[in-house]
Amino acid sequence: MIYRELGKSVLKVLIIGFGCWPVSNDWTGARDKDSIATVNEAIELGNNFFV
Protein backbone atom coordinates (compact mmCIF):
# COMPACT_ATOMS: atom_id res chain seq x y z
CA MET A 1 0.00 0.00 0.00
CA ILE A 2 1.20 3.48 -0.81
CA TYR A 3 0.45 6.25 1.69
CA ARG A 4 1.01 10.00 1.39
CA GLU A 5 0.63 12.96 3.70
CA LEU A 6 -2.80 14.54 3.56
CA GLY A 7 -2.32 18.18 2.61
CA LYS A 8 -0.02 19.95 5.04
CA SER A 9 -0.96 17.70 7.95
CA VAL A 10 1.05 14.85 9.42
CA LEU A 11 -1.71 12.37 8.57
CA LYS A 12 -0.72 9.65 6.12
CA VAL A 13 -3.53 8.20 4.03
CA LEU A 14 -3.78 5.62 1.29
CA ILE A 15 -3.34 7.23 -2.14
CA ILE A 16 -6.67 5.79 -3.35
CA GLY A 17 -9.72 6.53 -1.24
CA PHE A 18 -12.52 4.09 -0.61
CA GLY A 19 -15.69 5.55 -2.13
CA CYS A 20 -18.48 5.14 0.39
CA TRP A 21 -21.56 6.12 -1.60
CA PRO A 22 -22.26 2.50 -2.69
CA VAL A 23 -22.58 1.33 0.92
CA SER A 24 -25.57 3.60 1.52
CA ASN A 25 -28.75 1.59 1.22
CA ASP A 26 -30.63 4.79 0.32
CA TRP A 27 -29.22 4.81 -3.21
CA THR A 28 -28.06 1.29 -3.93
CA GLY A 29 -30.22 -1.00 -1.84
CA ALA A 30 -27.09 -2.44 -0.20
CA ARG A 31 -27.74 -4.37 2.99
CA ASP A 32 -26.24 -2.92 6.16
CA LYS A 33 -24.60 -6.25 7.04
CA ASP A 34 -22.79 -6.39 3.69
CA SER A 35 -21.78 -2.73 3.83
CA ILE A 36 -20.30 -3.10 7.32
CA ALA A 37 -18.40 -6.22 6.28
CA THR A 38 -16.99 -4.41 3.24
CA VAL A 39 -15.78 -1.40 5.24
CA ASN A 40 -14.28 -3.65 7.92
CA GLU A 41 -12.41 -5.64 5.28
CA ALA A 42 -11.04 -2.43 3.74
CA ILE A 43 -9.76 -1.36 7.17
CA GLU A 44 -8.17 -4.77 7.80
CA LEU A 45 -6.38 -4.50 4.45
CA GLY A 46 -4.88 -1.15 5.44
CA ASN A 47 -7.27 1.41 4.01
CA ASN A 48 -7.57 4.55 6.11
CA PHE A 49 -8.98 6.99 3.54
CA PHE A 50 -12.75 6.94 3.10
CA VAL A 51 -14.48 9.44 0.84
PDB file of N, CA and C in Angstrom:
ATOM      1  N   MET A   1       0.840  -1.170   0.000  1.00  0.00           N
ATOM      2  CA  MET A   1       0.000   0.000   0.000  1.00  0.00           C
ATOM      3  C   MET A   1       0.892   1.242   0.000  1.00  0.00           C
ATOM      4  N   ILE A   2       0.454   2.228  -0.729  1.00  0.00           N
ATOM      5  CA  ILE A   2       1.203   3.478  -0.811  1.00  0.00           C
ATOM      6  C   ILE A   2       0.413   4.563  -0.072  1.00  0.00           C
ATOM      7  N   TYR A   3       1.057   5.201   0.893  1.00  0.00           N
ATOM      8  CA  TYR A   3       0.448   6.254   1.685  1.00  0.00           C
ATOM      9  C   TYR A   3       1.165   7.573   1.409  1.00  0.00           C
ATOM     10  N   ARG A   4       0.429   8.666   1.536  1.00  0.00           N
ATOM     11  CA  ARG A   4       1.007  10.003   1.385  1.00  0.00           C
ATOM     12  C   ARG A   4       0.420  10.907   2.448  1.00  0.00           C
ATOM     13  N   GLU A   5       1.146  11.994   2.737  1.00  0.00           N
ATOM     14  CA  GLU A   5       0.632  12.963   3.695  1.00  0.00           C
ATOM     15  C   GLU A   5      -0.596  13.655   3.116  1.00  0.00           C
ATOM     16  N   LEU A   6      -1.567  13.894   3.964  1.00  0.00           N
ATOM     17  CA  LEU A   6      -2.802  14.541   3.557  1.00  0.00           C
ATOM     18  C   LEU A   6      -2.636  16.051   3.716  1.00  0.00           C
ATOM     19  N   GLY A   7      -2.520  16.731   2.589  1.00  0.00           N
ATOM     20  CA  GLY A   7      -2.324  18.179   2.614  1.00  0.00           C
ATOM     21  C   GLY A   7      -1.052  18.545   3.358  1.00  0.00           C
ATOM     22  N   LYS A   8      -1.169  19.514   4.256  1.00  0.00           N
ATOM     23  CA  LYS A   8      -0.015  19.951   5.039  1.00  0.00           C
ATOM     24  C   LYS A   8      -0.006  19.329   6.429  1.00  0.00           C
ATOM     25  N   SER A   9      -0.871  18.348   6.646  1.00  0.00           N
ATOM     26  CA  SER A   9      -0.957  17.703   7.953  1.00  0.00           C
ATOM     27  C   SER A   9       0.084  16.588   8.059  1.00  0.00           C
ATOM     28  N   VAL A  10       0.147  15.982   9.215  1.00  0.00           N
ATOM     29  CA  VAL A  10       1.053  14.851   9.424  1.00  0.00           C
ATOM     30  C   VAL A  10       0.337  13.521   9.186  1.00  0.00           C
ATOM     31  N   LEU A  11      -0.945  13.592   8.819  1.00  0.00           N
ATOM     32  CA  LEU A  11      -1.708  12.372   8.567  1.00  0.00           C
ATOM     33  C   LEU A  11      -1.249  11.715   7.275  1.00  0.00           C
ATOM     34  N   LYS A  12      -1.074  10.400   7.317  1.00  0.00           N
ATOM     35  CA  LYS A  12      -0.725   9.649   6.117  1.00  0.00           C
ATOM     36  C   LYS A  12      -1.925   8.788   5.744  1.00  0.00           C
ATOM     37  N   VAL A  13      -2.358   8.941   4.500  1.00  0.00           N
ATOM     38  CA  VAL A  13      -3.528   8.204   4.031  1.00  0.00           C
ATOM     39  C   VAL A  13      -3.181   7.442   2.755  1.00  0.00           C
ATOM     40  N   LEU A  14      -3.940   6.408   2.506  1.00  0.00           N
ATOM     41  CA  LEU A  14      -3.783   5.624   1.288  1.00  0.00           C
ATOM     42  C   LEU A  14      -4.003   6.532   0.078  1.00  0.00           C
ATOM     43  N   ILE A  15      -3.243   6.332  -0.981  1.00  0.00           N
ATOM     44  CA  ILE A  15      -3.343   7.233  -2.137  1.00  0.00           C
ATOM     45  C   ILE A  15      -4.659   7.078  -2.893  1.00  0.00           C
ATOM     46  N   ILE A  16      -5.364   5.979  -2.708  1.00  0.00           N
ATOM     47  CA  ILE A  16      -6.666   5.791  -3.348  1.00  0.00           C
ATOM     48  C   ILE A  16      -7.714   5.657  -2.256  1.00  0.00           C
ATOM     49  N   GLY A  17      -8.678   6.565  -2.258  1.00  0.00           N
ATOM     50  CA  GLY A  17      -9.717   6.530  -1.239  1.00  0.00           C
ATOM     51  C   GLY A  17     -10.796   5.507  -1.551  1.00  0.00           C
ATOM     52  N   PHE A  18     -11.415   5.028  -0.499  1.00  0.00           N
ATOM     53  CA  PHE A  18     -12.525   4.088  -0.611  1.00  0.00           C
ATOM     54  C   PHE A  18     -13.806   4.903  -0.756  1.00  0.00           C
ATOM     55  N   GLY A  19     -14.448   4.815  -1.903  1.00  0.00           N
ATOM     56  CA  GLY A  19     -15.687   5.550  -2.134  1.00  0.00           C
ATOM     57  C   GLY A  19     -16.833   4.928  -1.365  1.00  0.00           C
ATOM     58  N   CYS A  20     -17.470   5.690  -0.519  1.00  0.00           N
ATOM     59  CA  CYS A  20     -18.478   5.136   0.388  1.00  0.00           C
ATOM     60  C   CYS A  20     -19.923   5.250  -0.101  1.00  0.00           C
ATOM     61  N   TRP A  21     -20.163   5.966  -1.196  1.00  0.00           N
ATOM     62  CA  TRP A  21     -21.562   6.115  -1.598  1.00  0.00           C
ATOM     63  C   TRP A  21     -22.248   4.785  -1.889  1.00  0.00           C
ATOM     64  N   PRO A  22     -21.538   3.748  -2.410  1.00  0.00           N
ATOM     65  CA  PRO A  22     -22.255   2.498  -2.691  1.00  0.00           C
ATOM     66  C   PRO A  22     -22.723   1.751  -1.439  1.00  0.00           C
ATOM     67  N   VAL A  23     -22.171   2.061  -0.277  1.00  0.00           N
ATOM     68  CA  VAL A  23     -22.577   1.330   0.924  1.00  0.00           C
ATOM     69  C   VAL A  23     -23.830   1.918   1.563  1.00  0.00           C
ATOM     70  N   SER A  24     -24.346   3.002   1.004  1.00  0.00           N
ATOM     71  CA  SER A  24     -25.569   3.601   1.524  1.00  0.00           C
ATOM     72  C   SER A  24     -26.776   2.889   0.914  1.00  0.00           C
ATOM     73  N   ASN A  25     -27.595   2.316   1.756  1.00  0.00           N
ATOM     74  CA  ASN A  25     -28.749   1.593   1.217  1.00  0.00           C
ATOM     75  C   ASN A  25     -29.814   2.533   0.661  1.00  0.00           C
ATOM     76  N   ASP A  26     -29.665   3.845   0.883  1.00  0.00           N
ATOM     77  CA  ASP A  26     -30.633   4.789   0.324  1.00  0.00           C
ATOM     78  C   ASP A  26     -30.579   4.817  -1.203  1.00  0.00           C
ATOM     79  N   TRP A  27     -29.384   4.685  -1.759  1.00  0.00           N
ATOM     80  CA  TRP A  27     -29.217   4.806  -3.208  1.00  0.00           C
ATOM     81  C   TRP A  27     -29.054   3.467  -3.905  1.00  0.00           C
ATOM     82  N   THR A  28     -28.419   2.523  -3.240  1.00  0.00           N
ATOM     83  CA  THR A  28     -28.062   1.290  -3.933  1.00  0.00           C
ATOM     84  C   THR A  28     -28.843   0.065  -3.490  1.00  0.00           C
ATOM     85  N   GLY A  29     -29.521   0.159  -2.362  1.00  0.00           N
ATOM     86  CA  GLY A  29     -30.224  -1.003  -1.841  1.00  0.00           C
ATOM     87  C   GLY A  29     -29.292  -1.987  -1.141  1.00  0.00           C
ATOM     88  N   ALA A  30     -28.044  -1.560  -0.880  1.00  0.00           N
ATOM     89  CA  ALA A  30     -27.085  -2.438  -0.199  1.00  0.00           C
ATOM     90  C   ALA A  30     -27.576  -2.750   1.214  1.00  0.00           C
ATOM     91  N   ARG A  31     -27.350  -3.977   1.638  1.00  0.00           N
ATOM     92  CA  ARG A  31     -27.745  -4.369   2.988  1.00  0.00           C
ATOM     93  C   ARG A  31     -26.692  -3.881   3.983  1.00  0.00           C
ATOM     94  N   ASP A  32     -27.149  -3.430   5.141  1.00  0.00           N
ATOM     95  CA  ASP A  32     -26.237  -2.921   6.163  1.00  0.00           C
ATOM     96  C   ASP A  32     -25.163  -3.938   6.527  1.00  0.00           C
ATOM     97  N   LYS A  33     -25.541  -5.193   6.662  1.00  0.00           N
ATOM     98  CA  LYS A  33     -24.603  -6.247   7.039  1.00  0.00           C
ATOM     99  C   LYS A  33     -23.465  -6.351   6.019  1.00  0.00           C
ATOM    100  N   ASP A  34     -23.799  -6.304   4.748  1.00  0.00           N
ATOM    101  CA  ASP A  34     -22.789  -6.394   3.692  1.00  0.00           C
ATOM    102  C   ASP A  34     -21.912  -5.147   3.651  1.00  0.00           C
ATOM    103  N   SER A  35     -22.529  -3.980   3.840  1.00  0.00           N
ATOM    104  CA  SER A  35     -21.780  -2.730   3.830  1.00  0.00           C
ATOM    105  C   SER A  35     -20.765  -2.680   4.973  1.00  0.00           C
ATOM    106  N   ILE A  36     -21.198  -3.088   6.161  1.00  0.00           N
ATOM    107  CA  ILE A  36     -20.305  -3.104   7.324  1.00  0.00           C
ATOM    108  C   ILE A  36     -19.157  -4.073   7.097  1.00  0.00           C
ATOM    109  N   ALA A  37     -19.446  -5.232   6.554  1.00  0.00           N
ATOM    110  CA  ALA A  37     -18.397  -6.219   6.280  1.00  0.00           C
ATOM    111  C   ALA A  37     -17.389  -5.688   5.262  1.00  0.00           C
ATOM    112  N   THR A  38     -17.866  -4.968   4.260  1.00  0.00           N
ATOM    113  CA  THR A  38     -16.985  -4.408   3.236  1.00  0.00           C
ATOM    114  C   THR A  38     -16.059  -3.352   3.815  1.00  0.00           C
ATOM    115  N   VAL A  39     -16.607  -2.448   4.609  1.00  0.00           N
ATOM    116  CA  VAL A  39     -15.785  -1.402   5.236  1.00  0.00           C
ATOM    117  C   VAL A  39     -14.781  -2.016   6.206  1.00  0.00           C
ATOM    118  N   ASN A  40     -15.206  -2.991   6.994  1.00  0.00           N
ATOM    119  CA  ASN A  40     -14.282  -3.652   7.923  1.00  0.00           C
ATOM    120  C   ASN A  40     -13.138  -4.348   7.182  1.00  0.00           C
ATOM    121  N   GLU A  41     -13.441  -4.969   6.074  1.00  0.00           N
ATOM    122  CA  GLU A  41     -12.408  -5.636   5.276  1.00  0.00           C
ATOM    123  C   GLU A  41     -11.411  -4.618   4.720  1.00  0.00           C
ATOM    124  N   ALA A  42     -11.920  -3.487   4.252  1.00  0.00           N
ATOM    125  CA  ALA A  42     -11.042  -2.433   3.740  1.00  0.00           C
ATOM    126  C   ALA A  42     -10.091  -1.953   4.839  1.00  0.00           C
ATOM    127  N   ILE A  43     -10.597  -1.789   6.045  1.00  0.00           N
ATOM    128  CA  ILE A  43      -9.762  -1.361   7.172  1.00  0.00           C
ATOM    129  C   ILE A  43      -8.709  -2.418   7.483  1.00  0.00           C
ATOM    130  N   GLU A  44      -9.115  -3.671   7.519  1.00  0.00           N
ATOM    131  CA  GLU A  44      -8.172  -4.765   7.798  1.00  0.00           C
ATOM    132  C   GLU A  44      -7.066  -4.838   6.751  1.00  0.00           C
ATOM    133  N   LEU A  45      -7.375  -4.465   5.524  1.00  0.00           N
ATOM    134  CA  LEU A  45      -6.383  -4.501   4.450  1.00  0.00           C
ATOM    135  C   LEU A  45      -5.486  -3.270   4.429  1.00  0.00           C
ATOM    136  N   GLY A  46      -5.750  -2.304   5.326  1.00  0.00           N
ATOM    137  CA  GLY A  46      -4.881  -1.147   5.440  1.00  0.00           C
ATOM    138  C   GLY A  46      -5.444   0.154   4.939  1.00  0.00           C
ATOM    139  N   ASN A  47      -6.688   0.162   4.495  1.00  0.00           N
ATOM    140  CA  ASN A  47      -7.272   1.407   4.009  1.00  0.00           C
ATOM    141  C   ASN A  47      -7.614   2.311   5.188  1.00  0.00           C
ATOM    142  N   ASN A  48      -7.242   3.570   5.083  1.00  0.00           N
ATOM    143  CA  ASN A  48      -7.570   4.547   6.113  1.00  0.00           C
ATOM    144  C   ASN A  48      -8.086   5.857   5.504  1.00  0.00           C
ATOM    145  N   PHE A  49      -8.517   5.794   4.244  1.00  0.00           N
ATOM    146  CA  PHE A  49      -8.983   6.994   3.541  1.00  0.00           C
ATOM    147  C   PHE A  49     -10.336   6.689   2.910  1.00  0.00           C
ATOM    148  N   PHE A  50     -11.383   7.185   3.552  1.00  0.00           N
ATOM    149  CA  PHE A  50     -12.750   6.935   3.104  1.00  0.00           C
ATOM    150  C   PHE A  50     -13.352   8.243   2.629  1.00  0.00           C
ATOM    151  N   VAL A  51     -13.909   8.225   1.413  1.00  0.00           N
ATOM    152  CA  VAL A  51     -14.484   9.444   0.843  1.00  0.00           C
ATOM    153  C   VAL A  51     -15.922   9.243   0.456  1.00  0.00           C
TER     154      VAL A  51
END
